[in-house]
Amino acid sequence: MTSTWLSGRLVRLRPMEPDEVESLWRWNQDPEVMRWLTARYPESLAQAQARAAARPVNSYSFLLLGIEVIADGALVGVAMLVDGNPETGRAELNIYLGERDRWNSGYGTEAARLLCRYGFDQMRLHAVSLSVVAENEAARHVYRRLGFVEEGRIRDGFRRDGRWHDMILMGMLEGELRDEEPAGDVDG
């Protein structure tokens, strides 16, 4: 039986299963999916499985959930709240869709909204932050629509394709999450 405790109109967020490591590994091999994400050193599927087995269990400080499409049950990405700290009431949002044919579907937008709502309502977070490459305007647009505001910039904070890119720091306080319907998506 599938849990529906983090379900929206399009997607549900649920704990990752051990046999889903292969999807994560496959997504991490796709340069287009990884374009604006921090790349890992090359690893074999066996290394990815070992890393997943050593990953901490979901908790206040580390929450990893799969993004599953309600219509067909397909795993299409991951959403995380990391570095959660109950003393400061803050955590960082990380999210990506690995299935490129599911980009621009509203799935990433809804997943981010669901996870932020969970963070504010259930984890009693006061703030959720994220960082995004300045050139990733599609993602920045989605984050602004959700209620994130730009709080700062790290100059030359990310290197890709032989050049440095600025990172935009964004944040949202409890009460600022916008609950409008998804239209568009984080692209990758």
Protein backbone atom coordinates (compact mmCIF):
# COMPACT_ATOMS: atom_id res chain seq x y z
CA MET A 1 0.00 0.00 0.00
CA THR A 2 1.41 3.40 -0.98
CA SER A 3 1.42 6.18 1.59
CA THR A 4 -0.40 9.33 0.55
CA TRP A 5 0.77 11.58 3.36
CA LEU A 6 2.53 13.92 0.90
CA SER A 7 0.24 13.88 -2.11
CA GLY A 8 -0.85 16.64 -4.41
CA ARG A 9 -2.84 16.73 -7.61
CA LEU A 10 0.06 15.50 -9.80
CA VAL A 11 2.66 13.84 -7.57
CA ARG A 12 3.20 12.16 -4.25
CA LEU A 13 6.41 12.29 -2.26
CA ARG A 14 7.46 9.07 -0.63
CA PRO A 15 10.54 7.41 0.88
CA MET A 16 12.96 5.95 -1.64
CA GLU A 17 13.19 2.17 -1.97
CA PRO A 18 16.58 0.38 -2.21
CA ASP A 19 15.88 -0.90 -5.72
CA GLU A 20 15.44 2.69 -6.98
CA VAL A 21 19.14 3.48 -6.74
CA GLU A 22 19.52 2.45 -10.37
CA SER A 23 17.23 5.32 -11.44
CA LEU A 24 19.28 7.83 -9.44
CA TRP A 25 22.49 6.44 -10.90
CA ARG A 26 21.06 6.63 -14.45
CA TRP A 27 19.94 10.24 -13.94
CA ASN A 28 23.37 11.16 -12.62
CA GLN A 29 24.93 9.85 -15.87
CA ASP A 30 22.81 12.23 -17.98
CA PRO A 31 24.71 15.50 -18.63
CA GLU A 32 21.49 17.40 -19.37
CA VAL A 33 19.92 16.34 -16.06
CA MET A 34 23.12 17.24 -14.19
CA ARG A 35 23.72 20.52 -16.06
CA TRP A 36 23.05 22.81 -13.08
CA LEU A 37 23.62 20.26 -10.32
CA THR A 38 26.80 19.59 -8.43
CA ALA A 39 28.38 16.68 -10.27
CA ARG A 40 29.85 13.76 -8.39
CA TYR A 41 32.93 11.95 -9.47
CA PRO A 42 32.13 9.07 -11.83
CA GLU A 43 30.84 6.04 -9.97
CA SER A 44 29.70 2.58 -10.89
CA LEU A 45 26.22 1.33 -10.09
CA ALA A 46 27.75 -0.80 -7.31
CA GLN A 47 29.37 2.32 -5.81
CA ALA A 48 26.05 4.20 -6.00
CA GLN A 49 24.31 1.27 -4.27
CA ALA A 50 26.93 1.25 -1.50
CA ARG A 51 26.57 5.02 -1.05
CA ALA A 52 22.78 4.68 -0.87
CA ALA A 53 23.06 1.87 1.68
CA ALA A 54 25.24 4.13 3.86
CA ARG A 55 22.88 7.12 3.51
CA PRO A 56 21.32 8.18 6.81
CA VAL A 57 17.70 7.32 7.53
CA ASN A 58 15.15 10.07 7.03
CA SER A 59 15.16 12.47 9.94
CA TYR A 60 14.86 16.14 10.80
CA SER A 61 18.37 16.80 9.47
CA PHE A 62 18.09 14.69 6.31
CA LEU A 63 14.83 13.96 4.47
CA LEU A 64 15.05 12.32 1.02
CA LEU A 65 11.83 11.54 -0.85
CA GLY A 66 11.10 10.22 -4.31
CA ILE A 67 8.80 12.18 -6.60
CA GLU A 68 6.20 9.76 -7.95
CA VAL A 69 3.64 10.65 -10.61
CA ILE A 70 0.17 9.85 -9.33
CA ALA A 71 -1.24 9.03 -12.79
CA ASP A 72 1.20 6.21 -13.57
CA GLY A 73 3.32 5.55 -10.46
CA ALA A 74 6.58 6.50 -12.22
CA LEU A 75 9.50 7.72 -10.13
CA VAL A 76 10.62 10.92 -11.88
CA GLY A 77 12.89 12.70 -9.40
CA VAL A 78 13.92 13.40 -5.84
CA ALA A 79 13.17 16.11 -3.31
CA MET A 80 15.18 16.69 -0.15
CA LEU A 81 15.27 18.83 2.95
CA VAL A 82 18.81 18.71 4.29
CA ASP A 83 20.75 20.31 7.13
CA GLY A 84 17.57 20.71 9.14
CA ASN A 85 18.30 22.28 12.49
CA PRO A 86 15.57 22.39 15.17
CA GLU A 87 17.41 25.12 17.10
CA THR A 88 17.29 27.54 14.16
CA GLY A 89 14.19 26.11 12.45
CA ARG A 90 15.95 26.09 9.08
CA ALA A 91 16.60 23.54 6.33
CA GLU A 92 17.78 23.57 2.71
CA LEU A 93 15.65 22.40 -0.22
CA ASN A 94 17.22 20.32 -3.01
CA ILE A 95 15.11 18.99 -5.85
CA TYR A 96 15.50 17.65 -9.34
CA LEU A 97 13.64 15.72 -11.98
CA GLY A 98 15.71 12.99 -13.60
CA GLU A 99 13.27 11.95 -16.30
CA ARG A 100 13.71 14.59 -19.00
CA ASP A 101 10.47 13.66 -20.74
CA ARG A 102 8.67 14.73 -17.55
CA TRP A 103 10.20 18.24 -17.41
CA ASN A 104 7.84 21.21 -17.77
CA SER A 105 4.98 19.11 -16.42
CA GLY A 106 4.36 20.84 -13.10
CA TYR A 107 5.79 17.86 -11.18
CA GLY A 108 8.81 19.68 -9.78
CA THR A 109 6.77 22.73 -8.81
CA GLU A 110 4.22 20.65 -6.96
CA ALA A 111 6.90 18.49 -5.30
CA ALA A 112 8.73 21.58 -4.02
CA ARG A 113 5.48 23.05 -2.72
CA LEU A 114 4.53 19.79 -0.96
CA LEU A 115 7.92 19.43 0.67
CA CYS A 116 8.04 23.05 1.82
CA ARG A 117 4.50 22.70 3.22
CA TYR A 118 5.61 19.57 5.10
CA GLY A 119 8.69 21.39 6.41
CA PHE A 120 6.67 24.31 7.72
CA ASP A 121 3.66 22.39 9.03
CA GLN A 122 5.14 19.12 10.31
CA MET A 123 8.80 19.87 10.98
CA ARG A 124 7.97 23.32 12.38
CA LEU A 125 10.61 24.98 10.21
CA HIS A 126 10.76 28.76 10.22
CA ALA A 127 12.72 29.05 6.97
CA VAL A 128 13.65 27.00 3.90
CA SER A 129 16.61 28.06 1.78
CA LEU A 130 18.15 26.93 -1.50
CA SER A 131 20.86 27.89 -3.94
CA VAL A 132 20.45 27.96 -7.70
CA VAL A 133 22.78 28.81 -10.58
CA ALA A 134 22.02 32.34 -11.77
CA GLU A 135 21.63 31.21 -15.41
CA ASN A 136 18.96 28.66 -14.47
CA GLU A 137 16.18 31.20 -14.95
CA ALA A 138 13.48 28.52 -15.32
CA ALA A 139 14.18 27.21 -11.82
CA ARG A 140 14.49 30.71 -10.36
CA HIS A 141 11.09 31.58 -11.85
CA VAL A 142 9.47 28.54 -10.24
CA TYR A 143 11.08 29.28 -6.87
CA ARG A 144 9.85 32.90 -6.99
CA ARG A 145 6.33 31.66 -7.83
CA LEU A 146 6.43 29.44 -4.75
CA GLY A 147 7.36 32.41 -2.55
CA PHE A 148 11.15 32.22 -2.38
CA VAL A 149 12.97 35.56 -2.45
CA GLU A 150 16.55 36.25 -3.45
CA GLU A 151 18.66 36.80 -0.36
CA GLY A 152 22.16 36.90 -1.77
CA ARG A 153 24.67 35.89 -4.41
CA ILE A 154 27.85 33.84 -4.32
CA ARG A 155 30.03 35.14 -7.09
CA ASP A 156 31.67 32.39 -9.16
CA GLY A 157 30.21 29.76 -6.86
CA PHE A 158 29.70 27.02 -9.44
CA ARG A 159 31.90 25.78 -12.26
CA ARG A 160 30.46 24.08 -15.35
CA ASP A 161 31.68 23.74 -18.93
CA GLY A 162 34.96 25.46 -18.16
CA ARG A 163 33.45 28.63 -16.76
CA TRP A 164 32.32 30.00 -13.42
CA HIS A 165 28.70 30.90 -12.67
CA ASP A 166 27.19 32.89 -9.83
CA MET A 167 24.91 31.14 -7.36
CA ILE A 168 21.73 32.84 -6.16
CA LEU A 169 20.75 32.21 -2.54
CA MET A 170 16.99 32.15 -2.02
CA GLY A 171 14.86 31.71 1.06
CA MET A 172 11.29 31.51 2.23
CA LEU A 173 9.91 32.06 5.73
CA GLU A 174 6.92 30.21 7.13
CA GLY A 175 3.75 31.93 5.98
CA GLU A 176 5.29 32.95 2.62
CA LEU A 177 4.61 29.71 0.71
CA ARG A 178 2.20 30.34 -2.15
CA ASP A 179 -0.38 27.61 -2.68
CA GLU A 180 -1.35 28.34 -6.29
CA GLU A 181 -1.74 25.58 -8.87
CA PRO A 182 1.43 24.47 -10.68
CA ALA A 183 2.10 25.77 -14.19
CA GLY A 184 5.60 25.13 -15.47
CA ASP A 185 8.38 23.34 -13.72
CA VAL A 186 11.94 23.21 -12.55
CA ASP A 187 13.69 21.88 -15.64
CA GLY A 188 16.05 19.20 -14.48
